[in-house]
Protein backbone atom coordinates (compact mmCIF):
# COMPACT_ATOMS: atom_id res chain seq x y z
CA UNK A 1 -17.72 12.43 16.72
CA UNK A 2 -16.41 8.99 17.66
CA UNK A 3 -13.72 8.23 20.24
CA UNK A 4 -11.21 7.56 17.46
CA UNK A 5 -12.12 10.83 15.72
CA UNK A 6 -11.47 12.75 18.94
CA UNK A 7 -8.13 11.01 19.41
CA UNK A 8 -7.13 11.93 15.87
CA UNK A 9 -8.23 15.54 16.40
CA UNK A 10 -6.04 15.77 19.52
CA UNK A 11 -3.08 14.38 17.58
CA UNK A 12 -3.68 16.96 14.85
CA UNK A 13 -3.59 19.70 17.49
CA UNK A 14 -0.33 18.30 18.91
CA UNK A 15 1.32 18.27 15.48
CA UNK A 16 0.19 21.84 14.82
CA UNK A 17 2.00 22.83 18.04
CA UNK A 18 5.28 21.39 16.67
CA UNK A 19 6.53 20.33 20.10
CA UNK A 20 5.12 23.25 22.07
CA UNK A 21 2.73 22.86 24.99
CA UNK A 22 -0.95 22.33 24.15
CA UNK A 23 -3.38 23.53 26.81
CA UNK A 24 -6.17 21.35 28.07
CA UNK A 25 -8.52 24.30 27.67
CA UNK A 26 -7.73 24.50 23.94
CA UNK A 27 -8.35 20.77 23.47
CA UNK A 28 -11.61 21.10 25.42
CA UNK A 29 -12.72 24.06 23.25
CA UNK A 30 -11.92 22.40 19.90
CA UNK A 31 -13.50 19.05 20.81
CA UNK A 32 -16.43 20.54 22.71
CA UNK A 33 -15.86 18.25 25.70
CA UNK A 34 -15.05 18.71 29.39
CA UNK A 35 -11.50 18.87 30.80
CA UNK A 36 -12.19 15.49 32.44
CA UNK A 37 -12.98 14.02 29.00
CA UNK A 38 -9.76 15.56 27.64
CA UNK A 39 -7.77 13.75 30.33
CA UNK A 40 -9.52 10.49 29.38
CA UNK A 41 -8.54 10.88 25.71
CA UNK A 42 -4.96 11.71 26.66
CA UNK A 43 -4.80 8.51 28.72
CA UNK A 44 -6.13 6.55 25.74
CA UNK A 45 -3.39 7.97 23.53
CA UNK A 46 -0.79 7.08 26.13
CA UNK A 47 -2.13 3.53 26.18
CA UNK A 48 -1.56 3.40 22.40
CA UNK A 49 2.10 4.30 22.96
CA UNK A 50 2.16 8.10 22.61
CA UNK A 51 4.58 9.75 25.03
CA UNK A 52 2.61 12.70 26.38
CA UNK A 53 3.85 14.78 29.32
CA UNK A 54 1.43 16.70 31.54
CA UNK A 55 2.91 20.11 32.44
CA UNK A 56 1.38 21.70 35.53
CA UNK A 57 -0.76 24.76 34.78
CA UNK A 58 0.24 24.69 31.09
CA UNK A 59 -1.19 21.57 29.45
CA UNK A 60 0.38 18.69 27.54
CA UNK A 61 3.48 18.12 25.38
CA UNK A 62 3.83 15.31 22.83
CA UNK A 63 7.35 13.87 23.05
CA UNK A 64 7.06 10.76 20.87
CA UNK A 65 4.74 8.63 18.75
CA UNK A 66 4.38 4.86 18.22
CA UNK A 67 4.63 3.35 14.74
CA UNK A 68 0.94 3.53 13.96
CA UNK A 69 -0.81 4.19 10.66
CA UNK A 70 -3.43 6.58 11.98
CA UNK A 71 -4.53 9.31 9.54
CA UNK A 72 -3.07 12.05 11.74
CA UNK A 73 0.30 10.29 11.72
CA UNK A 74 0.36 9.92 7.94
CA UNK A 75 -0.96 13.40 7.13
CA UNK A 76 1.75 14.89 9.34
CA UNK A 77 4.42 13.54 6.99
CA UNK A 78 2.57 13.20 3.68
CA UNK A 79 3.20 15.47 0.70
CA UNK A 80 0.73 14.54 -2.02
CA UNK A 81 -1.76 16.37 -4.20
CA UNK A 82 -4.40 13.67 -4.72
CA UNK A 83 -3.54 10.26 -3.26
CA UNK A 84 -4.25 10.33 0.46
CA UNK A 85 -6.23 13.56 0.61
CA UNK A 86 -8.84 11.44 2.39
CA UNK A 87 -7.65 8.71 4.77
CA UNK A 88 -9.87 6.09 6.40
CA UNK A 89 -8.37 3.90 9.13
CA UNK A 90 -9.50 0.63 10.70
CA UNK A 91 -7.74 -1.06 13.62
CA UNK A 92 -9.12 -4.28 12.10
CA UNK A 93 -11.32 -4.98 9.11
CA UNK A 94 -12.22 -7.85 6.84
CA UNK A 95 -10.42 -6.45 3.78
CA UNK A 96 -9.32 -2.92 2.90
CA UNK A 97 -10.38 -3.62 -0.69
CA UNK A 98 -13.90 -4.50 0.48
CA UNK A 99 -14.06 -1.33 2.60
CA UNK A 100 -12.79 0.74 -0.35
CA UNK A 101 -15.47 -0.74 -2.64
CA UNK A 102 -18.16 0.22 -0.13
CA UNK A 103 -16.82 3.76 0.18
CA UNK A 104 -16.48 4.14 -3.59
CA UNK A 105 -20.10 3.11 -4.11
CA UNK A 106 -21.09 5.76 -1.58
CA UNK A 107 -19.25 8.42 -3.59
CA UNK A 108 -15.82 8.62 -1.91
CA UNK A 109 -13.55 11.12 -3.67
CA UNK A 110 -10.75 9.98 -5.94
CA UNK A 111 -7.54 9.47 -4.00
CA UNK A 112 -9.25 8.16 -0.85
CA UNK A 113 -7.01 5.65 0.93
CA UNK A 114 -8.25 2.91 3.25
CA UNK A 115 -5.67 1.60 5.72
CA UNK A 116 -6.00 -1.17 8.30
CA UNK A 117 -3.69 -2.31 11.05
CA UNK A 118 -4.95 -5.88 10.55
CA UNK A 119 -7.20 -7.80 8.15
CA UNK A 120 -9.15 -10.92 8.99
CA UNK A 121 -9.93 -11.72 5.34
CA UNK A 122 -7.06 -10.16 3.42
CA UNK A 123 -7.35 -10.74 -0.34
CA UNK A 124 -4.67 -11.83 -2.78
CA UNK A 125 -4.84 -12.65 -6.48
CA UNK A 126 -7.03 -15.49 -7.78
CA UNK A 127 -9.01 -15.69 -4.55
CA UNK A 128 -5.98 -16.40 -2.39
CA UNK A 129 -5.69 -15.22 1.21
CA UNK A 130 -3.26 -12.44 2.17
CA UNK A 131 -2.01 -13.12 5.70
CA UNK A 132 -2.47 -9.87 7.61
CA UNK A 133 -1.28 -9.90 11.26
CA UNK A 134 -1.66 -6.68 13.29
CA UNK A 135 1.00 -4.09 14.00
CA UNK A 136 3.67 -5.17 11.52
CA UNK A 137 2.71 -4.50 7.89
CA UNK A 138 0.93 -2.11 5.54
CA UNK A 139 -2.50 -3.01 4.18
CA UNK A 140 -3.96 -0.24 2.03
CA UNK A 141 -6.47 0.27 -0.77
CA UNK A 142 -6.68 3.35 -2.99
CA UNK A 143 -9.82 4.54 -4.79
CA UNK A 144 -9.24 5.97 -8.27
CA UNK A 145 -11.66 7.22 -10.89
CA UNK A 146 -9.60 7.51 -14.10
CA UNK A 147 -11.26 8.35 -17.42
CA UNK A 148 -9.97 5.24 -19.17
CA UNK A 149 -11.50 2.19 -20.83
CA UNK A 150 -11.93 -0.96 -18.70
CA UNK A 151 -9.34 -2.86 -20.76
CA UNK A 152 -6.74 -0.29 -19.64
CA UNK A 153 -7.32 -0.96 -15.94
CA UNK A 154 -4.41 -3.45 -15.59
CA UNK A 155 -2.06 -0.58 -16.42
CA UNK A 156 -2.71 0.78 -12.93
CA UNK A 157 -1.31 -2.43 -11.42
CA UNK A 158 2.04 -1.67 -13.06
CA UNK A 159 1.79 1.84 -11.63
CA UNK A 160 1.24 0.64 -8.06
CA UNK A 161 4.03 -1.96 -8.36
CA UNK A 162 6.46 0.72 -9.54
CA UNK A 163 5.36 2.99 -6.67
CA UNK A 164 5.95 0.21 -4.11
CA UNK A 165 9.39 -0.56 -5.56
CA UNK A 166 10.38 3.11 -5.49
CA UNK A 167 9.13 3.51 -1.91
CA UNK A 168 11.11 0.47 -0.75
CA UNK A 169 14.24 1.85 -2.38
CA UNK A 170 13.66 5.26 -0.78
CA UNK A 171 13.19 3.92 2.74
CA UNK A 172 15.53 0.91 2.84
CA UNK A 173 18.11 1.76 0.10
CA UNK A 174 17.63 -1.80 -1.16
CA UNK A 175 16.89 -2.49 -4.82
CA UNK A 176 13.76 -4.63 -5.23
CA UNK A 177 12.65 -6.36 -8.40
CA UNK A 178 9.15 -6.71 -9.83
CA UNK A 179 7.70 -10.01 -10.95
CA UNK A 180 5.16 -9.71 -13.74
CA UNK A 181 2.48 -8.67 -13.28
CA UNK A 182 2.05 -7.57 -9.68
CA UNK A 183 4.58 -8.77 -7.10
CA UNK A 184 7.57 -6.96 -5.60
CA UNK A 185 10.56 -9.04 -4.49
CA UNK A 186 13.74 -8.68 -2.45
CA UNK A 187 16.41 -11.36 -2.86
CA UNK A 188 13.89 -13.35 -4.89
CA UNK A 189 11.32 -13.40 -2.08
CA UNK A 190 7.96 -11.67 -2.19
CA UNK A 191 7.63 -8.63 0.07
CA UNK A 192 4.62 -6.96 -1.56
CA UNK A 193 1.60 -7.82 -3.67
CA UNK A 194 -1.02 -5.82 -5.57
CA UNK A 195 -4.68 -6.53 -6.23
CA UNK A 196 -6.46 -4.38 -8.83
CA UNK A 197 -10.28 -4.53 -8.76
CA UNK A 198 -12.76 -2.37 -10.67
CA UNK A 199 -16.39 -1.55 -11.09
CA UNK A 200 -17.10 -0.78 -14.73
CA UNK A 201 -19.61 -0.60 -17.52
CA UNK A 202 -18.86 -1.77 -21.06
CA UNK A 203 -17.02 1.38 -22.07
CA UNK A 204 -16.12 3.20 -18.86
CA UNK A 205 -14.81 2.65 -15.36
CA UNK A 206 -16.97 3.80 -12.48
CA UNK A 207 -14.09 3.39 -10.05
CA UNK A 208 -11.00 1.29 -9.48
CA UNK A 209 -9.55 -0.04 -6.22
CA UNK A 210 -5.81 -0.66 -5.97
CA UNK A 211 -5.07 -3.00 -3.06
CA UNK A 212 -1.51 -2.96 -1.74
CA UNK A 213 0.03 -5.24 0.85
CA UNK A 214 3.63 -4.73 1.99
CA UNK A 215 5.36 -7.04 4.48
CA UNK A 216 7.30 -4.53 6.57
CA UNK A 217 8.16 -5.90 10.04
CA UNK A 218 6.71 -9.41 9.73
CA UNK A 219 8.85 -12.11 11.36
CA UNK A 220 9.64 -15.48 9.80
CA UNK A 221 7.33 -17.34 12.19
CA UNK A 222 4.36 -15.19 11.08
CA UNK A 223 4.41 -16.55 7.53
CA UNK A 224 2.21 -19.58 6.83
CA UNK A 225 3.97 -22.79 5.89
CA UNK A 226 1.93 -23.37 2.73
CA UNK A 227 2.93 -20.27 0.73
CA UNK A 228 3.08 -20.90 -3.04
CA UNK A 229 6.18 -18.72 -3.39
CA UNK A 230 8.95 -17.72 -0.90
CA UNK A 231 8.07 -14.60 1.10
CA UNK A 232 9.97 -12.15 3.27
CA UNK A 233 9.65 -8.72 4.86
CA UNK A 234 11.62 -5.51 4.73
CA UNK A 235 12.81 -6.06 8.31
CA UNK A 236 14.06 -9.58 7.53
CA UNK A 237 15.92 -8.30 4.45
CA UNK A 238 17.49 -5.27 6.15
CA UNK A 239 18.09 -6.81 9.57
CA UNK A 240 16.32 -3.95 11.37
CA UNK A 241 12.87 -2.61 12.10
CA UNK A 242 11.35 -0.30 9.46
CA UNK A 243 8.99 2.61 10.18
CA UNK A 244 5.58 1.70 8.79
CA UNK A 245 4.57 5.35 8.79
CA UNK A 246 7.55 6.44 6.70
CA UNK A 247 7.04 3.57 4.26
CA UNK A 248 3.32 4.37 3.94
CA UNK A 249 4.04 8.05 3.30
CA UNK A 250 6.74 7.23 0.74
CA UNK A 251 4.37 4.85 -1.05
CA UNK A 252 1.47 7.31 -1.21
CA UNK A 253 3.84 10.05 -2.39
CA UNK A 254 5.17 7.82 -5.19
CA UNK A 255 1.64 6.77 -6.12
CA UNK A 256 0.65 10.42 -6.32
CA UNK A 257 3.56 11.29 -8.64
CA UNK A 258 3.09 8.31 -10.94
CA UNK A 259 -0.68 8.72 -11.17
CA UNK A 260 -0.28 12.37 -12.15
CA UNK A 261 2.25 11.26 -14.78
CA UNK A 262 -0.15 8.59 -16.05
CA UNK A 263 -3.00 11.05 -16.44
CA UNK A 264 -0.73 13.51 -18.25
CA UNK A 265 1.30 11.19 -20.51
CA UNK A 266 -0.39 7.80 -20.56
CA UNK A 267 0.94 4.31 -19.93
CA UNK A 268 4.35 4.46 -21.64
CA UNK A 269 6.29 6.27 -18.85
CA UNK A 270 4.58 4.07 -16.25
CA UNK A 271 5.65 0.91 -18.04
CA UNK A 272 9.19 2.26 -18.23
CA UNK A 273 9.17 2.98 -14.49
CA UNK A 274 8.05 -0.61 -13.88
CA UNK A 275 10.64 -2.06 -16.26
CA UNK A 276 13.40 -0.29 -14.32
CA UNK A 277 12.82 -2.97 -11.68
CA UNK A 278 12.15 -5.95 -14.00
CA UNK A 279 15.01 -8.46 -14.29
CA UNK A 280 13.55 -11.44 -16.18
CA UNK A 281 14.10 -10.25 -19.75
CA UNK A 282 16.17 -12.89 -21.56
CA UNK A 283 15.56 -15.55 -18.89
CA UNK A 284 13.70 -18.83 -19.13
CA UNK A 285 10.44 -18.93 -17.16
CA UNK A 286 7.34 -21.01 -16.63
CA UNK A 287 4.00 -19.22 -16.72
CA UNK A 288 0.93 -20.90 -15.22
CA UNK A 289 -2.56 -19.57 -15.81
CA UNK A 290 -6.10 -20.44 -16.83
CA UNK A 291 -4.88 -21.41 -20.30
CA UNK A 292 -2.38 -23.91 -18.91
CA UNK A 293 1.38 -23.75 -18.45
CA UNK A 294 3.91 -22.35 -20.91
CA UNK A 295 7.69 -22.33 -20.89
CA UNK A 296 9.83 -19.92 -22.79
CA UNK A 297 12.35 -17.11 -22.83
CA UNK A 298 11.11 -13.67 -21.77
CA UNK A 299 11.46 -11.17 -24.61
CA UNK A 300 9.99 -8.33 -22.58
CA UNK A 301 6.59 -6.64 -22.51
CA UNK A 302 4.54 -5.10 -25.26
CA UNK A 303 3.07 -1.62 -25.12
CA UNK A 304 0.01 -2.85 -23.23
CA UNK A 305 1.97 -4.69 -20.52
CA UNK A 306 1.49 -8.22 -21.85
CA UNK A 307 4.40 -10.62 -21.30
CA UNK A 308 6.08 -11.84 -24.49
CA UNK A 309 7.55 -15.36 -24.48
CA UNK A 310 9.60 -17.08 -27.15
CA UNK A 311 8.57 -20.73 -26.96
CA UNK A 312 10.67 -23.78 -27.82
CA UNK A 313 9.27 -23.85 -31.36
CA UNK A 314 10.48 -20.23 -31.86
CA UNK A 315 6.92 -18.86 -31.87
CA UNK A 316 6.10 -15.84 -29.71
CA UNK A 317 3.31 -16.08 -27.17
CA UNK A 318 1.57 -13.04 -25.71
CA UNK A 319 0.54 -13.69 -22.09
CA UNK A 320 -2.05 -11.48 -20.40
CA UNK A 321 -2.21 -13.11 -16.96
CA UNK A 322 -0.54 -15.86 -14.97
CA UNK A 323 2.03 -16.78 -12.32
CA UNK A 324 5.65 -16.53 -13.45
CA UNK A 325 8.39 -18.78 -12.08
CA UNK A 326 12.02 -18.51 -13.23
CA UNK A 327 13.53 -21.80 -14.40
CA UNK A 328 16.97 -22.50 -13.05
CA UNK A 329 19.39 -24.20 -15.42
CA UNK A 330 16.83 -24.46 -18.20
């Protein structure tokens, strides 16, 4: 058992006590370590920001927790059937999507969630970098194994975007919008992005990784100057600090509900949930992608999630991928 595993086990014991005193002897028995080692682990937790009181002849009492995304912290507040039943945490990693791919290849169960406090090679769409400073945001990847055809995989991006939007509304009471196909915005600025990657054969998906990045407490000086589109964070939009733990739990709970709905009823209710946050229907936009740039009025989405544009010549174009930019005064 690693040092981190022992810390998480102690936290689990504290939460089971629900504020009551936890004896050092009980910690020692469960972990199979000496009382001196127990004291060392308690000091490590205090250094992380946990407020732990030592009570003479009785043990320890947990009075408060920092805003960390440790599995014990999330499990303590998470109510979900599938998503998050296994949680893997990294203080720092290259990319949660890369870690999720490795775990999926090793047979990780469906619903496994990989969370990192920081990423050194965070991944965005089209090979772009996702800036991932420590201690302020949510970087997570979810492993799914749906029995669907590979061409249906993009439907899960709409699902994760709807889950993020719902979680933001739940925690902040703000009303975000979604930008086709996979961004979540507040006041027209990007606060979350999704990256859907899969491993598949011709007719079936082996597994799918849903990468989710949410800017929660990021400050304006932490954003790079060369962003393609304006970005913000939940804290900047609300004017106050947001609990990362509560946002993470709300997101995983919404993912769990929507994924169960998807498996039971298919894509239609998921698309409707996404469209509840979509505000570009009827507006003029520019879409840039591998096929070039198109301008037109958004008619909506078809049943497979493709964007429908009415071009200047009155023809209708079906767009499967690209960056969308609203055109002001067009």
